[in-house]
Amino acid sequence: MEVALAVSIVLKQDQRSGNLTDGIVKDILTNSPNYPHGIKVRLESGDVGRVKVIND
């Protein structure tokens, strides 16, 4: 996981629905290199959520 990657995240309010939000990683908020529920990131848009898909 690195800054500037295109990813799809699930926002806290979308955890039940599984709705994904696309964006570019601005900050990585999880300190661990892997985390069972997904690494938490902040997108350039300001949205915060857990990474579900890395988009090439």
Protein backbone atom coordinates (compact mmCIF):
# COMPACT_ATOMS: atom_id res chain seq x y z
CA MET A 1 0.00 0.00 0.00
CA GLU A 2 1.40 3.39 -0.94
CA VAL A 3 0.35 6.99 -1.44
CA ALA A 4 -1.02 7.90 -4.92
CA LEU A 5 -2.49 4.43 -5.59
CA ALA A 6 -5.97 4.27 -7.11
CA VAL A 7 -8.17 2.26 -4.73
CA SER A 8 -11.76 1.44 -3.83
CA ILE A 9 -12.61 1.84 -0.15
CA VAL A 10 -15.62 1.14 2.01
CA LEU A 11 -16.60 4.11 4.18
CA LYS A 12 -17.68 3.57 7.80
CA GLN A 13 -21.31 4.40 6.95
CA ASP A 14 -21.21 1.97 4.00
CA GLN A 15 -19.88 -1.06 5.89
CA ARG A 16 -23.30 -2.75 6.01
CA SER A 17 -24.17 -2.07 2.36
CA GLY A 18 -20.65 -2.71 1.05
CA ASN A 19 -20.89 0.35 -1.23
CA LEU A 20 -17.40 1.24 -2.53
CA THR A 21 -15.91 4.70 -3.04
CA ASP A 22 -13.11 5.16 -5.60
CA GLY A 23 -10.21 7.55 -5.16
CA ILE A 24 -6.48 8.18 -4.87
CA VAL A 25 -4.68 7.46 -1.57
CA LYS A 26 -3.48 10.64 0.15
CA ASP A 27 -2.56 9.23 3.60
CA ILE A 28 -2.19 5.72 5.03
CA LEU A 29 -3.77 5.68 8.50
CA THR A 30 -3.11 2.04 9.53
CA ASN A 31 0.40 1.49 10.92
CA SER A 32 0.44 -2.28 10.36
CA PRO A 33 1.49 -3.48 6.86
CA ASN A 34 -1.52 -5.81 6.80
CA TYR A 35 -4.76 -5.69 8.73
CA PRO A 36 -7.59 -8.25 8.58
CA HIS A 37 -10.38 -5.69 7.96
CA GLY A 38 -8.46 -3.66 5.37
CA ILE A 39 -5.88 -0.91 5.66
CA LYS A 40 -7.47 2.43 6.60
CA VAL A 41 -6.60 5.30 4.27
CA ARG A 42 -7.60 8.90 3.55
CA LEU A 43 -8.34 9.68 -0.08
CA GLU A 44 -7.45 12.96 -1.82
CA SER A 45 -11.18 13.78 -1.56
CA GLY A 46 -10.91 13.60 2.25
CA ASP A 47 -12.98 10.40 2.54
CA VAL A 48 -11.64 7.87 5.08
CA GLY A 49 -12.25 4.14 4.83
CA ARG A 50 -10.76 0.69 4.52
CA VAL A 51 -9.21 -0.48 1.24
CA LYS A 52 -11.14 -3.29 -0.45
CA VAL A 53 -9.69 -3.12 -4.00
CA ILE A 54 -6.47 -1.74 -5.48
CA ASN A 55 -7.28 -0.42 -8.98
CA ASP A 56 -4.49 -0.51 -11.54
